[in-house]
Amino acid sequence: MAELSDIPIRIEQPEAEPQQFGNALPILNEIRHALARLAEQGEPTRIDLAAMPFGPGDEDRLMAALGRGEVEASVDALGPTRVWETRFPGVWVLDYANVDGERIALQIEVDEVPQMLRTQRADITDSLAALDATLASATATDPAGESRH
Protein backbone atom coordinates (compact mmCIF):
# COMPACT_ATOMS: atom_id res chain seq x y z
CA MET A 1 0.00 0.00 0.00
CA ALA A 2 1.26 3.49 -0.94
CA GLU A 3 2.06 5.90 1.74
CA LEU A 4 0.94 9.48 1.80
CA SER A 5 4.50 10.66 1.15
CA ASP A 6 4.52 8.62 -2.10
CA ILE A 7 1.70 10.67 -3.63
CA PRO A 8 3.07 13.47 -5.80
CA ILE A 9 1.80 16.86 -4.82
CA ARG A 10 1.74 19.76 -7.21
CA ILE A 11 0.58 23.17 -6.12
CA GLU A 12 -1.27 25.06 -8.81
CA GLN A 13 -2.09 28.70 -8.63
CA PRO A 14 -4.53 30.41 -10.90
CA GLU A 15 -2.91 32.61 -13.52
CA ALA A 16 -2.77 36.12 -12.24
CA GLU A 17 -4.86 38.54 -14.18
CA PRO A 18 -2.67 41.10 -15.92
CA GLN A 19 -2.42 44.23 -13.86
CA GLN A 20 -4.58 46.96 -15.34
CA PHE A 21 -3.15 50.38 -14.67
CA GLY A 22 -6.11 51.95 -16.39
CA ASN A 23 -4.12 54.92 -17.64
CA ALA A 24 -6.20 55.48 -20.76
CA LEU A 25 -8.88 57.46 -18.90
CA PRO A 26 -6.47 59.71 -16.93
CA ILE A 27 -4.54 60.46 -20.14
CA LEU A 28 -7.80 61.34 -21.93
CA ASN A 29 -8.55 63.76 -19.06
CA GLU A 30 -5.06 65.25 -19.38
CA ILE A 31 -5.63 65.67 -23.14
CA ARG A 32 -8.97 67.34 -22.40
CA HIS A 33 -7.30 69.93 -20.13
CA ALA A 34 -4.52 70.48 -22.68
CA LEU A 35 -7.10 71.03 -25.43
CA ALA A 36 -8.87 73.59 -23.23
CA ARG A 37 -5.54 75.44 -22.67
CA LEU A 38 -4.91 75.43 -26.41
CA ALA A 39 -8.41 76.76 -27.15
CA GLU A 40 -8.36 79.43 -24.43
CA GLN A 41 -4.71 80.51 -24.28
CA GLY A 42 -3.07 79.11 -27.40
CA GLU A 43 -0.77 77.00 -25.19
CA PRO A 44 0.44 73.74 -26.81
CA THR A 45 1.12 70.60 -24.77
CA ARG A 46 3.18 67.48 -25.34
CA ILE A 47 2.48 64.28 -23.40
CA ASP A 48 5.19 61.61 -23.39
CA LEU A 49 3.34 58.30 -23.37
CA ALA A 50 6.60 56.36 -22.91
CA ALA A 51 6.78 57.82 -19.40
CA MET A 52 3.38 56.34 -18.54
CA PRO A 53 3.14 52.94 -16.85
CA PHE A 54 0.83 51.36 -19.41
CA GLY A 55 -0.69 48.06 -18.44
CA PRO A 56 -1.80 45.45 -20.97
CA GLY A 57 -4.30 46.98 -23.35
CA ASP A 58 -3.94 50.57 -22.08
CA GLU A 59 -2.34 51.89 -25.25
CA ASP A 60 -4.90 50.12 -27.44
CA ARG A 61 -7.78 51.55 -25.37
CA LEU A 62 -6.30 55.05 -25.57
CA MET A 63 -5.76 54.87 -29.33
CA ALA A 64 -9.27 53.47 -29.86
CA ALA A 65 -10.76 56.34 -27.85
CA LEU A 66 -8.74 58.93 -29.77
CA GLY A 67 -9.54 57.42 -33.15
CA ARG A 68 -8.12 58.69 -36.44
CA GLY A 69 -8.80 62.03 -38.07
CA GLU A 70 -8.30 63.23 -41.61
CA VAL A 71 -4.60 64.17 -41.57
CA GLU A 72 -1.58 61.84 -41.59
CA ALA A 73 2.07 62.45 -42.34
CA SER A 74 5.29 60.50 -42.28
CA VAL A 75 8.72 61.95 -41.69
CA ASP A 76 12.00 60.18 -42.40
CA ALA A 77 14.60 61.77 -40.15
CA LEU A 78 16.88 59.41 -38.21
CA GLY A 79 14.15 56.79 -38.68
CA PRO A 80 10.51 56.83 -39.68
CA THR A 81 8.03 58.89 -37.70
CA ARG A 82 4.30 58.58 -38.21
CA VAL A 83 2.12 61.53 -37.31
CA TRP A 84 -1.66 61.55 -37.37
CA GLU A 85 -4.43 63.75 -36.14
CA THR A 86 -6.93 62.00 -33.92
CA ARG A 87 -10.66 62.34 -34.39
CA PHE A 88 -10.29 65.38 -32.11
CA PRO A 89 -8.79 68.21 -34.20
CA GLY A 90 -5.71 69.62 -32.52
CA VAL A 91 -4.84 66.31 -30.83
CA TRP A 92 -1.99 64.56 -32.63
CA VAL A 93 -0.18 61.24 -32.15
CA LEU A 94 3.54 61.08 -32.95
CA ASP A 95 5.03 57.59 -33.18
CA TYR A 96 8.84 57.77 -33.53
CA ALA A 97 10.96 54.81 -34.65
CA ASN A 98 14.67 54.26 -35.17
CA VAL A 99 16.24 53.16 -38.45
CA ASP A 100 15.41 49.54 -37.57
CA GLY A 101 11.72 50.42 -37.23
CA GLU A 102 11.68 49.93 -33.43
CA ARG A 103 9.58 52.44 -31.50
CA ILE A 104 11.70 54.93 -29.59
CA ALA A 105 8.98 57.36 -28.50
CA LEU A 106 5.24 57.78 -28.52
CA GLN A 107 3.75 61.19 -27.80
CA ILE A 108 0.48 63.06 -27.86
CA GLU A 109 0.82 66.65 -29.00
CA VAL A 110 -2.02 69.09 -28.51
CA ASP A 111 -1.43 71.93 -30.94
CA GLU A 112 -2.72 73.34 -34.21
CA VAL A 113 0.13 71.61 -36.06
CA PRO A 114 2.76 69.35 -34.46
CA GLN A 115 6.13 71.03 -33.97
CA MET A 116 7.77 68.25 -35.98
CA LEU A 117 5.86 69.31 -39.09
CA ARG A 118 6.72 73.00 -38.77
CA THR A 119 9.60 74.38 -40.76
CA GLN A 120 12.44 75.63 -38.56
CA ARG A 121 13.40 79.32 -38.89
CA ALA A 122 16.97 78.43 -40.03
CA ASP A 123 15.55 76.21 -42.77
CA ILE A 124 13.31 79.05 -43.96
CA THR A 125 16.33 81.36 -44.19
CA ASP A 126 18.28 78.71 -46.14
CA SER A 127 15.25 78.17 -48.38
CA LEU A 128 15.04 81.89 -49.15
CA ALA A 129 18.73 81.97 -50.15
CA ALA A 130 18.29 78.88 -52.36
CA LEU A 131 15.22 80.36 -54.06
CA ASP A 132 17.05 83.66 -54.62
CA ALA A 133 19.90 81.71 -56.28
CA THR A 134 17.42 79.83 -58.47
CA LEU A 135 15.71 83.08 -59.51
CA ALA A 136 19.07 84.71 -60.24
CA SER A 137 20.05 81.77 -62.40
CA ALA A 138 16.69 81.76 -64.20
CA THR A 139 16.88 85.45 -65.04
CA ALA A 140 20.43 85.05 -66.34
CA THR A 141 19.23 82.70 -69.11
CA ASP A 142 16.33 83.07 -71.51
CA PRO A 143 13.68 80.35 -71.98
CA ALA A 144 15.75 78.72 -74.72
CA GLY A 145 18.63 78.31 -72.31
CA GLU A 146 20.79 81.03 -73.93
CA SER A 147 22.80 83.39 -71.71
CA ARG A 148 21.68 87.01 -71.71
CA HIS A 149 25.11 88.70 -71.59
C-alpha atoms as a PDB file:
ATOM      1  CA  MET A   1       0.000   0.000   0.000  1.00  0.00           C
ATOM      2  CA  ALA A   2       1.257   3.489  -0.936  1.00  0.00           C
ATOM      3  CA  GLU A   3       2.063   5.901   1.741  1.00  0.00           C
ATOM      4  CA  LEU A   4       0.940   9.476   1.797  1.00  0.00           C
ATOM      5  CA  SER A   5       4.496  10.665   1.149  1.00  0.00           C
ATOM      6  CA  ASP A   6       4.518   8.623  -2.095  1.00  0.00           C
ATOM      7  CA  ILE A   7       1.698  10.669  -3.626  1.00  0.00           C
ATOM      8  CA  PRO A   8       3.072  13.467  -5.802  1.00  0.00           C
ATOM      9  CA  ILE A   9       1.799  16.860  -4.824  1.00  0.00           C
ATOM     10  CA  ARG A  10       1.736  19.758  -7.215  1.00  0.00           C
ATOM     11  CA  ILE A  11       0.582  23.167  -6.115  1.00  0.00           C
ATOM     12  CA  GLU A  12      -1.266  25.064  -8.806  1.00  0.00           C
ATOM     13  CA  GLN A  13      -2.087  28.703  -8.628  1.00  0.00           C
ATOM     14  CA  PRO A  14      -4.525  30.414 -10.902  1.00  0.00           C
ATOM     15  CA  GLU A  15      -2.911  32.606 -13.518  1.00  0.00           C
ATOM     16  CA  ALA A  16      -2.768  36.124 -12.237  1.00  0.00           C
ATOM     17  CA  GLU A  17      -4.859  38.541 -14.181  1.00  0.00           C
ATOM     18  CA  PRO A  18      -2.675  41.097 -15.918  1.00  0.00           C
ATOM     19  CA  GLN A  19      -2.416  44.233 -13.858  1.00  0.00           C
ATOM     20  CA  GLN A  20      -4.576  46.956 -15.340  1.00  0.00           C
ATOM     21  CA  PHE A  21      -3.152  50.375 -14.665  1.00  0.00           C
ATOM     22  CA  GLY A  22      -6.106  51.946 -16.391  1.00  0.00           C
ATOM     23  CA  ASN A  23      -4.118  54.923 -17.641  1.00  0.00           C
ATOM     24  CA  ALA A  24      -6.200  55.482 -20.765  1.00  0.00           C
ATOM     25  CA  LEU A  25      -8.882  57.462 -18.903  1.00  0.00           C
ATOM     26  CA  PRO A  26      -6.475  59.709 -16.934  1.00  0.00           C
ATOM     27  CA  ILE A  27      -4.545  60.460 -20.143  1.00  0.00           C
ATOM     28  CA  LEU A  28      -7.797  61.343 -21.932  1.00  0.00           C
ATOM     29  CA  ASN A  29      -8.549  63.757 -19.064  1.00  0.00           C
ATOM     30  CA  GLU A  30      -5.063  65.251 -19.377  1.00  0.00           C
ATOM     31  CA  ILE A  31      -5.631  65.668 -23.138  1.00  0.00           C
ATOM     32  CA  ARG A  32      -8.975  67.345 -22.404  1.00  0.00           C
ATOM     33  CA  HIS A  33      -7.302  69.927 -20.130  1.00  0.00           C
ATOM     34  CA  ALA A  34      -4.516  70.479 -22.683  1.00  0.00           C
ATOM     35  CA  LEU A  35      -7.097  71.034 -25.425  1.00  0.00           C
ATOM     36  CA  ALA A  36      -8.869  73.589 -23.227  1.00  0.00           C
ATOM     37  CA  ARG A  37      -5.543  75.437 -22.665  1.00  0.00           C
ATOM     38  CA  LEU A  38      -4.906  75.431 -26.414  1.00  0.00           C
ATOM     39  CA  ALA A  39      -8.406  76.759 -27.149  1.00  0.00           C
ATOM     40  CA  GLU A  40      -8.363  79.426 -24.429  1.00  0.00           C
ATOM     41  CA  GLN A  41      -4.711  80.513 -24.278  1.00  0.00           C
ATOM     42  CA  GLY A  42      -3.066  79.105 -27.404  1.00  0.00           C
ATOM     43  CA  GLU A  43      -0.769  76.999 -25.190  1.00  0.00           C
ATOM     44  CA  PRO A  44       0.440  73.743 -26.814  1.00  0.00           C
ATOM     45  CA  THR A  45       1.117  70.599 -24.771  1.00  0.00           C
ATOM     46  CA  ARG A  46       3.184  67.477 -25.343  1.00  0.00           C
ATOM     47  CA  ILE A  47       2.476  64.282 -23.395  1.00  0.00           C
ATOM     48  CA  ASP A  48       5.190  61.605 -23.386  1.00  0.00           C
ATOM     49  CA  LEU A  49       3.342  58.298 -23.366  1.00  0.00           C
ATOM     50  CA  ALA A  50       6.600  56.361 -22.910  1.00  0.00           C
ATOM     51  CA  ALA A  51       6.783  57.820 -19.401  1.00  0.00           C
ATOM     52  CA  MET A  52       3.376  56.342 -18.535  1.00  0.00           C
ATOM     53  CA  PRO A  53       3.142  52.936 -16.853  1.00  0.00           C
ATOM     54  CA  PHE A  54       0.832  51.356 -19.410  1.00  0.00           C
ATOM     55  CA  GLY A  55      -0.691  48.061 -18.436  1.00  0.00           C
ATOM     56  CA  PRO A  56      -1.800  45.455 -20.970  1.00  0.00           C
ATOM     57  CA  GLY A  57      -4.296  46.975 -23.349  1.00  0.00           C
ATOM     58  CA  ASP A  58      -3.943  50.572 -22.079  1.00  0.00           C
ATOM     59  CA  GLU A  59      -2.341  51.890 -25.252  1.00  0.00           C
ATOM     60  CA  ASP A  60      -4.903  50.116 -27.444  1.00  0.00           C
ATOM     61  CA  ARG A  61      -7.781  51.548 -25.367  1.00  0.00           C
ATOM     62  CA  LEU A  62      -6.296  55.048 -25.567  1.00  0.00           C
ATOM     63  CA  MET A  63      -5.758  54.869 -29.330  1.00  0.00           C
ATOM     64  CA  ALA A  64      -9.268  53.472 -29.864  1.00  0.00           C
ATOM     65  CA  ALA A  65     -10.765  56.339 -27.848  1.00  0.00           C
ATOM     66  CA  LEU A  66      -8.744  58.927 -29.770  1.00  0.00           C
ATOM     67  CA  GLY A  67      -9.538  57.416 -33.152  1.00  0.00           C
ATOM     68  CA  ARG A  68      -8.116  58.694 -36.442  1.00  0.00           C
ATOM     69  CA  GLY A  69      -8.798  62.025 -38.071  1.00  0.00           C
ATOM     70  CA  GLU A  70      -8.298  63.232 -41.607  1.00  0.00           C
ATOM     71  CA  VAL A  71      -4.600  64.169 -41.567  1.00  0.00           C
ATOM     72  CA  GLU A  72      -1.583  61.843 -41.591  1.00  0.00           C
ATOM     73  CA  ALA A  73       2.074  62.450 -42.336  1.00  0.00           C
ATOM     74  CA  SER A  74       5.289  60.503 -42.285  1.00  0.00           C
ATOM     75  CA  VAL A  75       8.724  61.947 -41.686  1.00  0.00           C
ATOM     76  CA  ASP A  76      11.995  60.185 -42.397  1.00  0.00           C
ATOM     77  CA  ALA A  77      14.600  61.770 -40.145  1.00  0.00           C
ATOM     78  CA  LEU A  78      16.878  59.407 -38.214  1.00  0.00           C
ATOM     79  CA  GLY A  79      14.150  56.786 -38.678  1.00  0.00           C
ATOM     80  CA  PRO A  80      10.510  56.832 -39.682  1.00  0.00           C
ATOM     81  CA  THR A  81       8.032  58.889 -37.704  1.00  0.00           C
ATOM     82  CA  ARG A  82       4.297  58.585 -38.215  1.00  0.00           C
ATOM     83  CA  VAL A  83       2.122  61.533 -37.315  1.00  0.00           C
ATOM     84  CA  TRP A  84      -1.662  61.553 -37.368  1.00  0.00           C
ATOM     85  CA  GLU A  85      -4.432  63.748 -36.139  1.00  0.00           C
ATOM     86  CA  THR A  86      -6.930  62.001 -33.925  1.00  0.00           C
ATOM     87  CA  ARG A  87     -10.665  62.342 -34.387  1.00  0.00           C
ATOM     88  CA  PHE A  88     -10.288  65.382 -32.105  1.00  0.00           C
ATOM     89  CA  PRO A  89      -8.787  68.208 -34.200  1.00  0.00           C
ATOM     90  CA  GLY A  90      -5.710  69.624 -32.515  1.00  0.00           C
ATOM     91  CA  VAL A  91      -4.842  66.312 -30.832  1.00  0.00           C
ATOM     92  CA  TRP A  92      -1.990  64.558 -32.627  1.00  0.00           C
ATOM     93  CA  VAL A  93      -0.182  61.242 -32.146  1.00  0.00           C
ATOM     94  CA  LEU A  94       3.540  61.084 -32.947  1.00  0.00           C
ATOM     95  CA  ASP A  95       5.032  57.592 -33.182  1.00  0.00           C
ATOM     96  CA  TYR A  96       8.838  57.772 -33.525  1.00  0.00           C
ATOM     97  CA  ALA A  97      10.963  54.811 -34.655  1.00  0.00           C
ATOM     98  CA  ASN A  98      14.669  54.256 -35.167  1.00  0.00           C
ATOM     99  CA  VAL A  99      16.242  53.157 -38.451  1.00  0.00           C
ATOM    100  CA  ASP A 100      15.414  49.535 -37.569  1.00  0.00           C
ATOM    101  CA  GLY A 101      11.722  50.415 -37.231  1.00  0.00           C
ATOM    102  CA  GLU A 102      11.685  49.934 -33.432  1.00  0.00           C
ATOM    103  CA  ARG A 103       9.582  52.441 -31.504  1.00  0.00           C
ATOM    104  CA  ILE A 104      11.703  54.929 -29.592  1.00  0.00           C
ATOM    105  CA  ALA A 105       8.983  57.356 -28.501  1.00  0.00           C
ATOM    106  CA  LEU A 106       5.235  57.785 -28.515  1.00  0.00           C
ATOM    107  CA  GLN A 107       3.751  61.189 -27.804  1.00  0.00           C
ATOM    108  CA  ILE A 108       0.484  63.056 -27.858  1.00  0.00           C
ATOM    109  CA  GLU A 109       0.818  66.648 -28.999  1.00  0.00           C
ATOM    110  CA  VAL A 110      -2.022  69.093 -28.507  1.00  0.00           C
ATOM    111  CA  ASP A 111      -1.432  71.933 -30.942  1.00  0.00           C
ATOM    112  CA  GLU A 112      -2.718  73.338 -34.210  1.00  0.00           C
ATOM    113  CA  VAL A 113       0.132  71.613 -36.055  1.00  0.00           C
ATOM    114  CA  PRO A 114       2.761  69.347 -34.457  1.00  0.00           C
ATOM    115  CA  GLN A 115       6.131  71.028 -33.966  1.00  0.00           C
ATOM    116  CA  MET A 116       7.770  68.251 -35.982  1.00  0.00           C
ATOM    117  CA  LEU A 117       5.862  69.312 -39.088  1.00  0.00           C
ATOM    118  CA  ARG A 118       6.716  73.002 -38.773  1.00  0.00           C
ATOM    119  CA  THR A 119       9.604  74.382 -40.756  1.00  0.00           C
ATOM    120  CA  GLN A 120      12.437  75.635 -38.564  1.00  0.00           C
ATOM    121  CA  ARG A 121      13.403  79.320 -38.890  1.00  0.00           C
ATOM    122  CA  ALA A 122      16.966  78.435 -40.034  1.00  0.00           C
ATOM    123  CA  ASP A 123      15.553  76.206 -42.767  1.00  0.00           C
ATOM    124  CA  ILE A 124      13.308  79.047 -43.957  1.00  0.00           C
ATOM    125  CA  THR A 125      16.334  81.357 -44.185  1.00  0.00           C
ATOM    126  CA  ASP A 126      18.276  78.706 -46.145  1.00  0.00           C
ATOM    127  CA  SER A 127      15.253  78.174 -48.381  1.00  0.00           C
ATOM    128  CA  LEU A 128      15.039  81.891 -49.153  1.00  0.00           C
ATOM    129  CA  ALA A 129      18.728  81.972 -50.147  1.00  0.00           C
ATOM    130  CA  ALA A 130      18.291  78.884 -52.361  1.00  0.00           C
ATOM    131  CA  LEU A 131      15.216  80.361 -54.064  1.00  0.00           C
ATOM    132  CA  ASP A 132      17.053  83.656 -54.622  1.00  0.00           C
ATOM    133  CA  ALA A 133      19.900  81.710 -56.282  1.00  0.00           C
ATOM    134  CA  THR A 134      17.415  79.827 -58.469  1.00  0.00           C
ATOM    135  CA  LEU A 135      15.711  83.078 -59.514  1.00  0.00           C
ATOM    136  CA  ALA A 136      19.072  84.713 -60.240  1.00  0.00           C
ATOM    137  CA  SER A 137      20.054  81.767 -62.403  1.00  0.00           C
ATOM    138  CA  ALA A 138      16.689  81.760 -64.201  1.00  0.00           C
ATOM    139  CA  THR A 139      16.876  85.455 -65.037  1.00  0.00           C
ATOM    140  CA  ALA A 140      20.428  85.048 -66.340  1.00  0.00           C
ATOM    141  CA  THR A 141      19.231  82.698 -69.108  1.00  0.00           C
ATOM    142  CA  ASP A 142      16.327  83.070 -71.511  1.00  0.00           C
ATOM    143  CA  PRO A 143      13.682  80.348 -71.982  1.00  0.00           C
ATOM    144  CA  ALA A 144      15.749  78.723 -74.725  1.00  0.00           C
ATOM    145  CA  GLY A 145      18.629  78.309 -72.312  1.00  0.00           C
ATOM    146  CA  GLU A 146      20.785  81.034 -73.926  1.00  0.00           C
ATOM    147  CA  SER A 147      22.799  83.385 -71.710  1.00  0.00           C
ATOM    148  CA  ARG A 148      21.680  87.010 -71.712  1.00  0.00           C
ATOM    149  CA  HIS A 149      25.108  88.697 -71.589  1.00  0.00           C
END
